[in-house]
Amino acid sequence: MTNAFWLTNVHLDSGFETGDDGVDHTLTELSHLLIEDGRIARIESAEQPLGTTLPIHDAKGLLALPSFVEKHNHLDKTYAGAAWKSCLPPKKLIDRLQFEEKEMPLISGTTKQRAQAMLSWLLAGGATHVRTHVNIDPFIGLKNLEGVREALESYSDKMTYEIVAFPQQGLLRTKASDLMRQAMREGATHVGGLDPAEIDNELEGSLREMMDIAVEANADVDIHLHDPGTLGFYTIKRIMDLTEEAGWQNRMAISHAFALGDVSPEESAEMADRLAQNGVQIMTTVPINRPMPPVPILHEKGVRVALGYDGFYDSWSPYGTGDMLEKLNRLVGRYRWVDERSLVQSLFFITGGKTTLDKEGNRLWPKVGDEASIVFAEASCSAEAVARRSRSPAVMFKGRIVLGELS
């Protein structure tokens, strides 16, 4: 039996116009959407009378945005759902890893509950997809993976997910290869890696072991690369070499990739061409305390860039809310994307590549056939939602309201 209803009185971006003052403005129109089996089956103007016997949900003029994608998270580490706790400032990365080595076993019994609490924050922030990294090491074994899987499965009617088996303590440093392989057999979908030179002190061996595990599991890769400057840039070159050698095009992601922001624009542009040719994604958290990958250059060259919160409210940082509009707002502020068209286009970075309008003002989303996963925002248009971090009182996932309510 078809599951169908009308979603009425929802505002959609419809184009651009330039005002007398020379400022571009986003046009919107009030529409009715027919939702069938989790997808958008028809889009009708609200100016036309709607004769139907199907159920009706009234959006009452809220703006529709494509639902958000959180591409870099650590559900197993959060303090969400527990008593308030700030951080012990580390002197070096290895200090933080040693602290985590002791802390993780102590809180492993609450992994599912803490992960569920964070998922509730992400959903409230409009995310209906999350990629989470999960520590895999001799100190915690696969306990975090088990708890995170259970939490994600409990949210499977509200969002989709990916799980990265993440050797936080070092792949070679802690001899975690067998555990990583076991994690890939027990629910992890991606193979992770971490600073092969700094943490494993063996750049080549660590990268090759990571790729061997990925090829054996036929899994995509997402490696954390914090190393800056020449070392980090050389590591990216070697990642590209191994990607090409293994035929892993369109299956590789580099998180953080700070080194891309440390080298000259010419070097970044040249590397961006190679990243684009290999379909390598860059995940960034938009840091405020160090250089970051040059998003405008990468985007212009066709590199897929996505945003994530990374860990928030955990032993690494007490900050963060899970609201992806907040994260996007930091990005547009950093690059001074203040005009209407740039603000609208910026949605690309938190929606898995979707924007409501192209640069000329033609509608790209929603279209008939699109999945009905929608964030409903209290904004006049998507540019305002991004710039003003508008409140989102309801979220729809595959045709079901999973947060808030519509009448």
Protein backbone atom coordinates (compact mmCIF):
# COMPACT_ATOMS: atom_id res chain seq x y z
CA MET A 1 0.00 0.00 0.00
CA THR A 2 1.36 3.39 -0.99
CA ASN A 3 2.28 5.69 1.87
CA ALA A 4 1.27 9.11 0.53
CA PHE A 5 0.37 12.54 1.90
CA TRP A 6 0.55 16.20 0.94
CA LEU A 7 3.03 18.53 2.58
CA THR A 8 1.39 21.92 2.14
CA ASN A 9 2.43 25.56 2.44
CA VAL A 10 6.16 25.06 2.37
CA HIS A 11 8.48 27.74 1.03
CA LEU A 12 11.02 26.76 -1.63
CA ASP A 13 13.85 28.82 -3.09
CA SER A 14 12.86 29.64 -6.67
CA GLY A 15 15.44 32.06 -8.13
CA PHE A 16 17.41 35.27 -7.77
CA GLU A 17 16.62 38.87 -8.56
CA THR A 18 18.75 42.00 -8.26
CA GLY A 19 17.25 44.90 -6.36
CA ASP A 20 17.50 48.58 -7.17
CA ASP A 21 20.37 48.79 -4.70
CA GLY A 22 22.34 46.21 -6.69
CA VAL A 23 21.99 43.54 -4.02
CA ASP A 24 20.86 40.08 -5.10
CA HIS A 25 17.85 38.57 -3.36
CA THR A 26 16.53 35.02 -3.27
CA LEU A 27 13.00 34.54 -4.53
CA THR A 28 10.83 31.89 -2.91
CA GLU A 29 7.43 30.44 -3.66
CA LEU A 30 4.86 28.75 -1.48
CA SER A 31 4.34 25.17 -2.64
CA HIS A 32 2.63 21.89 -1.91
CA LEU A 33 4.65 18.67 -2.10
CA LEU A 34 3.14 15.23 -2.63
CA ILE A 35 5.17 12.71 -0.66
CA GLU A 36 4.90 9.06 -1.71
CA ASP A 37 6.90 6.20 -0.24
CA GLY A 38 9.50 8.54 1.16
CA ARG A 39 10.05 10.55 -2.02
CA ILE A 40 8.77 13.77 -3.55
CA ALA A 41 6.23 12.74 -6.18
CA ARG A 42 4.80 16.14 -7.19
CA ILE A 43 5.50 19.81 -6.61
CA GLU A 44 2.54 22.14 -7.00
CA SER A 45 2.10 25.88 -6.53
CA ALA A 46 0.17 26.79 -3.40
CA GLU A 47 -1.74 29.32 -5.51
CA GLN A 48 -3.72 26.45 -7.01
CA PRO A 49 -6.51 24.83 -5.00
CA LEU A 50 -5.56 21.41 -3.65
CA GLY A 51 -8.32 18.86 -4.02
CA THR A 52 -7.28 15.64 -2.32
CA THR A 53 -8.48 12.90 -0.04
CA LEU A 54 -4.94 12.16 1.12
CA PRO A 55 -3.68 13.21 4.56
CA ILE A 56 -2.26 16.75 4.78
CA HIS A 57 0.62 18.10 6.86
CA ASP A 58 0.78 21.89 6.91
CA ALA A 59 4.30 23.41 7.04
CA LYS A 60 2.76 26.85 7.68
CA GLY A 61 5.28 28.71 5.56
CA LEU A 62 8.46 27.12 6.90
CA LEU A 63 11.37 27.00 4.46
CA ALA A 64 12.43 23.59 3.13
CA LEU A 65 16.13 22.76 2.97
CA PRO A 66 17.76 19.45 2.01
CA SER A 67 18.58 17.60 5.22
CA PHE A 68 22.13 17.81 6.49
CA VAL A 69 25.09 15.43 6.47
CA GLU A 70 27.58 15.26 9.36
CA LYS A 71 30.73 13.83 7.80
CA HIS A 72 33.17 13.69 10.70
CA ASN A 73 32.20 12.68 14.20
CA HIS A 74 33.27 10.52 17.14
CA LEU A 75 30.16 9.11 18.79
CA ASP A 76 32.16 6.87 21.12
CA LYS A 77 34.05 9.69 22.84
CA THR A 78 31.33 12.17 23.73
CA TYR A 79 30.32 13.15 27.26
CA ALA A 80 26.80 13.85 25.96
CA GLY A 81 24.15 12.56 28.33
CA ALA A 82 26.59 12.57 31.24
CA ALA A 83 27.41 15.18 33.87
CA TRP A 84 29.24 18.31 32.71
CA LYS A 85 32.97 17.90 32.36
CA SER A 86 35.50 20.20 30.69
CA CYS A 87 38.92 19.22 29.32
CA LEU A 88 42.42 18.77 30.59
CA PRO A 89 44.50 20.88 28.15
CA PRO A 90 47.12 18.68 26.46
CA LYS A 91 50.67 19.79 25.73
CA LYS A 92 51.06 17.48 22.72
CA LEU A 93 48.90 15.07 20.73
CA ILE A 94 50.56 12.09 22.39
CA ASP A 95 49.51 13.47 25.80
CA ARG A 96 45.88 13.44 24.70
CA LEU A 97 46.21 9.90 23.37
CA GLN A 98 47.66 8.71 26.67
CA PHE A 99 44.78 10.34 28.54
CA GLU A 100 42.28 8.70 26.21
CA GLU A 101 44.03 5.35 26.60
CA LYS A 102 43.11 5.47 30.29
CA GLU A 103 39.70 7.10 29.98
CA MET A 104 38.09 5.03 27.24
CA PRO A 105 37.96 1.72 29.20
CA LEU A 106 36.40 3.56 32.15
CA ILE A 107 33.46 4.91 30.14
CA SER A 108 32.98 2.04 27.68
CA GLY A 109 29.96 0.77 29.59
CA THR A 110 27.96 3.87 28.63
CA THR A 111 28.98 4.12 24.97
CA LYS A 112 25.51 3.37 23.62
CA GLN A 113 23.78 5.86 25.90
CA ARG A 114 26.29 8.63 25.24
CA ALA A 115 26.20 8.02 21.49
CA GLN A 116 22.41 8.15 21.51
CA ALA A 117 22.53 11.49 23.34
CA MET A 118 24.86 12.90 20.69
CA LEU A 119 22.70 11.53 17.90
CA SER A 120 19.74 13.37 19.38
CA TRP A 121 21.75 16.61 19.20
CA LEU A 122 22.79 15.92 15.59
CA LEU A 123 19.20 15.20 14.59
CA ALA A 124 18.06 18.40 16.29
CA GLY A 125 20.72 20.16 14.22
CA GLY A 126 19.19 18.84 11.00
CA ALA A 127 21.50 15.88 10.26
CA THR A 128 19.94 12.74 8.79
CA HIS A 129 23.28 11.14 7.97
CA VAL A 130 26.39 10.78 10.11
CA ARG A 131 29.86 9.38 9.51
CA THR A 132 31.35 8.42 12.84
CA HIS A 133 34.86 7.27 13.66
CA VAL A 134 35.15 4.64 16.39
CA ASN A 135 38.33 3.90 18.32
CA ILE A 136 39.77 0.47 17.62
CA ASP A 137 42.79 -0.31 19.79
CA PRO A 138 44.10 -2.87 22.31
CA PHE A 139 42.88 -0.78 25.25
CA ILE A 140 39.21 -0.74 24.27
CA GLY A 141 39.05 -3.61 21.78
CA LEU A 142 35.74 -3.59 19.92
CA LYS A 143 33.60 -2.41 22.86
CA ASN A 144 33.12 1.08 21.42
CA LEU A 145 32.16 -0.36 18.05
CA GLU A 146 29.51 -2.53 19.67
CA GLY A 147 28.00 0.38 21.62
CA VAL A 148 28.04 2.78 18.67
CA ARG A 149 26.47 0.20 16.36
CA GLU A 150 23.64 -0.34 18.84
CA ALA A 151 23.08 3.41 19.15
CA LEU A 152 23.03 3.91 15.39
CA GLU A 153 20.69 0.99 14.86
CA SER A 154 18.30 2.53 17.38
CA TYR A 155 18.28 5.65 15.16
CA SER A 156 18.07 3.81 11.84
CA ASP A 157 14.51 5.07 11.28
CA LYS A 158 15.77 8.64 11.63
CA MET A 159 19.12 8.73 9.83
CA THR A 160 21.63 6.76 7.81
CA TYR A 161 25.22 6.25 8.88
CA GLU A 162 28.78 5.13 8.15
CA ILE A 163 31.23 3.75 10.71
CA VAL A 164 34.96 4.27 10.33
CA ALA A 165 37.22 1.84 12.20
CA PHE A 166 39.70 4.33 13.61
CA PRO A 167 43.14 3.37 15.01
CA GLN A 168 43.34 6.44 17.26
CA GLN A 169 46.32 5.10 19.20
CA GLY A 170 48.25 4.28 16.04
CA LEU A 171 47.86 1.42 13.60
CA LEU A 172 51.44 0.16 13.89
CA ARG A 173 52.25 1.75 17.24
CA THR A 174 49.71 -0.46 19.03
CA LYS A 175 49.75 -3.36 16.56
CA ALA A 176 46.04 -2.84 15.89
CA SER A 177 45.87 -4.44 12.43
CA ASP A 178 44.12 -7.64 13.53
CA LEU A 179 41.57 -5.67 15.55
CA MET A 180 40.98 -3.38 12.56
CA ARG A 181 40.33 -6.38 10.35
CA GLN A 182 37.94 -7.82 12.93
CA ALA A 183 36.14 -4.46 13.14
CA MET A 184 35.61 -4.54 9.38
CA ARG A 185 33.97 -7.94 9.76
CA GLU A 186 31.76 -6.75 12.62
CA GLY A 187 30.04 -3.69 11.25
CA ALA A 188 32.57 -0.99 10.40
CA THR A 189 32.05 0.31 6.86
CA HIS A 190 35.25 2.35 6.36
CA VAL A 191 38.93 1.92 7.21
CA GLY A 192 40.50 4.80 9.11
CA GLY A 193 44.04 5.98 9.61
CA LEU A 194 45.93 8.57 11.61
CA ASP A 195 49.10 10.66 11.06
CA PRO A 196 51.35 7.81 9.89
CA ALA A 197 54.57 9.75 10.41
CA GLU A 198 53.87 11.36 13.77
CA ILE A 199 51.93 8.60 15.52
CA ASP A 200 53.29 5.42 13.92
CA ASN A 201 56.68 6.95 13.11
CA GLU A 202 56.59 4.95 9.89
CA LEU A 203 54.82 6.84 7.12
CA GLU A 204 55.19 4.28 4.35
CA GLY A 205 54.49 1.18 6.38
CA SER A 206 51.45 2.68 8.10
CA LEU A 207 49.85 3.90 4.86
CA ARG A 208 50.43 0.59 3.12
CA GLU A 209 48.96 -1.38 6.02
CA MET A 210 45.89 0.89 6.03
CA MET A 211 45.41 0.35 2.29
CA ASP A 212 45.95 -3.42 2.61
CA ILE A 213 43.17 -3.61 5.19
CA ALA A 214 40.87 -1.52 2.98
CA VAL A 215 41.52 -3.64 -0.11
CA GLU A 216 40.99 -6.87 1.83
CA ALA A 217 37.68 -5.57 3.20
CA ASN A 218 36.71 -3.86 -0.07
CA ALA A 219 36.05 -0.75 2.00
CA ASP A 220 36.47 2.98 1.52
CA VAL A 221 39.11 4.90 3.50
CA ASP A 222 38.99 8.02 5.70
CA ILE A 223 42.37 9.00 7.15
CA HIS A 224 42.93 11.74 9.75
CA LEU A 225 45.91 13.82 8.69
CA HIS A 226 46.88 16.60 11.09
CA ASP A 227 50.55 16.81 10.10
CA PRO A 228 51.26 20.31 8.78
CA GLY A 229 53.58 21.77 6.17
CA THR A 230 56.03 19.75 4.13
CA LEU A 231 55.47 16.50 6.04
CA GLY A 232 51.70 16.65 5.72
CA PHE A 233 51.84 17.64 2.06
CA TYR A 234 54.23 14.79 1.26
CA THR A 235 51.90 12.39 3.09
CA ILE A 236 49.02 13.54 0.88
CA LYS A 237 51.18 12.84 -2.18
CA ARG A 238 51.83 9.31 -0.94
CA ILE A 239 48.13 8.81 -0.23
CA MET A 240 47.45 9.79 -3.84
CA ASP A 241 50.12 7.37 -5.07
CA LEU A 242 48.61 4.49 -3.12
CA THR A 243 45.08 5.45 -4.16
CA GLU A 244 46.10 5.21 -7.80
CA GLU A 245 48.11 2.04 -7.23
CA ALA A 246 45.17 0.27 -5.57
CA GLY A 247 42.57 1.65 -7.98
CA TRP A 248 40.79 3.26 -5.03
CA GLN A 249 39.49 6.28 -6.94
CA ASN A 250 36.29 7.77 -5.45
CA ARG A 251 36.89 5.70 -2.30
CA MET A 252 39.31 7.88 -0.36
CA ALA A 253 38.77 10.75 2.08
CA ILE A 254 41.31 12.83 3.97
CA SER A 255 40.06 14.48 7.13
CA HIS A 256 41.62 17.73 8.36
CA ALA A 257 44.38 17.86 5.70
CA PHE A 258 45.82 20.98 7.33
CA ALA A 259 48.90 20.83 5.11
CA LEU A 260 46.84 21.95 2.12
CA GLY A 261 46.50 25.30 3.86
CA ASP A 262 50.19 25.52 4.78
CA VAL A 263 51.62 25.44 1.26
CA SER A 264 51.39 28.07 -1.47
CA PRO A 265 48.14 28.58 -3.41
CA GLU A 266 49.90 27.24 -6.50
CA GLU A 267 50.85 24.01 -4.73
CA SER A 268 47.33 23.67 -3.29
CA ALA A 269 45.78 24.18 -6.73
CA GLU A 270 48.08 21.59 -8.30
CA MET A 271 47.25 19.06 -5.58
CA ALA A 272 43.55 19.90 -5.88
CA ASP A 273 43.65 18.83 -9.52
CA ARG A 274 45.06 15.48 -8.48
CA LEU A 275 42.57 15.07 -5.64
CA ALA A 276 39.70 15.81 -8.04
CA GLN A 277 41.02 13.38 -10.65
CA ASN A 278 41.05 10.62 -8.03
CA GLY A 279 37.71 11.54 -6.47
CA VAL A 280 39.29 12.14 -3.07
CA GLN A 281 37.09 13.95 -0.55
CA ILE A 282 38.32 16.43 2.04
CA MET A 283 36.57 16.60 5.42
CA THR A 284 37.11 19.76 7.47
CA THR A 285 35.90 21.03 10.82
CA VAL A 286 36.68 24.68 9.96
CA PRO A 287 39.24 25.20 12.74
CA ILE A 288 39.77 28.70 14.11
CA ASN A 289 43.26 28.21 15.56
CA ARG A 290 45.29 27.03 12.56
CA PRO A 291 45.40 27.00 8.74
CA MET A 292 42.82 24.81 7.05
CA PRO A 293 42.39 23.35 3.58
CA PRO A 294 41.66 26.17 1.07
CA VAL A 295 38.00 25.35 0.50
CA PRO A 296 37.44 27.87 -2.35
CA ILE A 297 40.36 26.44 -4.37
CA LEU A 298 39.32 22.84 -3.70
CA HIS A 299 35.68 23.49 -4.55
CA GLU A 300 36.55 25.35 -7.74
CA LYS A 301 38.73 22.42 -8.85
CA GLY A 302 35.91 19.93 -8.24
CA VAL A 303 37.14 18.39 -4.99
CA ARG A 304 34.26 17.27 -2.79
CA VAL A 305 34.56 19.09 0.54
CA ALA A 306 32.29 18.26 3.47
CA LEU A 307 31.96 19.61 7.00
CA GLY A 308 31.83 17.82 10.32
CA TYR A 309 32.02 18.70 13.99
CA ASP A 310 34.70 16.13 14.80
CA GLY A 311 34.53 15.32 18.51
CA PHE A 312 32.45 17.77 20.48
CA TYR A 313 31.86 17.81 24.19
CA ASP A 314 34.48 15.18 24.94
CA SER A 315 38.01 15.00 26.31
CA TRP A 316 39.30 16.92 23.29
CA SER A 317 36.86 19.85 23.36
CA PRO A 318 33.92 21.04 25.47
CA TYR A 319 32.47 23.03 22.54
CA GLY A 320 29.86 22.29 19.90
CA THR A 321 26.12 21.82 19.56
CA GLY A 322 25.69 19.46 16.62
CA ASP A 323 23.89 22.15 14.60
CA MET A 324 25.30 21.88 11.06
CA LEU A 325 24.09 25.39 10.20
CA GLU A 326 26.36 26.62 13.00
CA LYS A 327 29.32 24.82 11.42
CA LEU A 328 28.46 26.16 7.96
CA ASN A 329 28.07 29.66 9.38
CA ARG A 330 31.68 29.47 10.58
CA LEU A 331 32.81 28.49 7.07
CA VAL A 332 31.02 31.32 5.27
CA GLY A 333 32.27 33.75 7.91
CA ARG A 334 35.86 32.60 7.50
CA TYR A 335 35.81 33.20 3.75
CA ARG A 336 33.57 36.28 3.85
CA TRP A 337 30.93 34.76 1.63
CA VAL A 338 28.46 37.54 2.32
CA ASP A 339 26.48 37.78 -0.93
CA GLU A 340 23.22 35.98 -1.62
CA ARG A 341 24.45 33.56 -4.25
CA SER A 342 27.50 32.47 -2.23
CA LEU A 343 25.38 31.85 0.86
CA VAL A 344 22.91 29.72 -1.09
CA GLN A 345 25.70 27.75 -2.80
CA SER A 346 27.39 27.06 0.55
CA LEU A 347 24.67 24.54 1.44
CA PHE A 348 26.69 22.13 -0.71
CA PHE A 349 29.12 21.56 2.17
CA ILE A 350 26.55 20.24 4.68
CA THR A 351 24.05 18.46 2.43
CA GLY A 352 26.15 15.91 0.62
CA GLY A 353 26.51 18.23 -2.37
CA LYS A 354 22.97 19.60 -2.69
CA THR A 355 22.04 23.26 -3.13
CA THR A 356 18.59 24.71 -3.67
CA LEU A 357 19.65 26.87 -6.63
CA ASP A 358 22.50 26.98 -9.10
CA LYS A 359 24.49 30.18 -9.61
CA GLU A 360 22.05 31.37 -12.26
CA GLY A 361 19.06 30.83 -9.99
CA ASN A 362 17.67 27.63 -11.50
CA ARG A 363 16.18 25.26 -8.95
CA LEU A 364 18.29 22.21 -8.22
CA TRP A 365 16.43 21.03 -5.11
CA PRO A 366 13.84 19.81 -4.56
CA LYS A 367 12.91 17.94 -7.71
CA VAL A 368 10.39 15.22 -8.34
CA GLY A 369 11.96 11.91 -7.40
CA ASP A 370 14.19 13.32 -4.66
CA GLU A 371 14.19 11.62 -1.28
CA ALA A 372 11.89 13.47 1.10
CA SER A 373 14.54 14.22 3.73
CA ILE A 374 13.99 17.83 4.67
CA VAL A 375 14.96 20.39 7.30
CA PHE A 376 12.21 22.94 7.95
CA ALA A 377 13.71 26.31 8.86
CA GLU A 378 12.29 29.55 10.22
CA ALA A 379 13.81 31.64 7.43
CA SER A 380 12.68 33.55 4.35
CA CYS A 381 15.24 31.77 2.14
CA SER A 382 18.27 29.50 2.38
CA ALA A 383 20.73 32.42 2.36
CA GLU A 384 19.11 33.79 5.51
CA ALA A 385 19.09 30.33 7.11
CA VAL A 386 22.86 30.05 6.61
CA ALA A 387 23.77 33.62 7.57
CA ARG A 388 21.47 33.83 10.59
CA ARG A 389 21.72 30.17 11.70
CA SER A 390 17.95 29.94 11.65
CA ARG A 391 16.04 27.70 14.02
CA SER A 392 14.81 24.41 12.53
CA PRO A 393 11.72 23.22 14.41
CA ALA A 394 11.13 20.06 12.34
CA VAL A 395 13.10 17.46 10.39
CA MET A 396 11.77 14.89 7.91
CA PHE A 397 13.61 11.67 7.01
CA LYS A 398 12.41 9.68 4.00
CA GLY A 399 8.92 11.09 4.30
CA ARG A 400 8.58 10.78 8.09
CA ILE A 401 8.72 13.60 10.60
CA VAL A 402 11.48 12.49 12.96
CA LEU A 403 11.94 15.74 14.91
CA GLY A 404 9.29 18.22 15.96
CA GLU A 405 5.90 18.16 14.29
CA LEU A 406 3.89 19.65 11.46
CA SER A 407 0.14 20.10 11.86
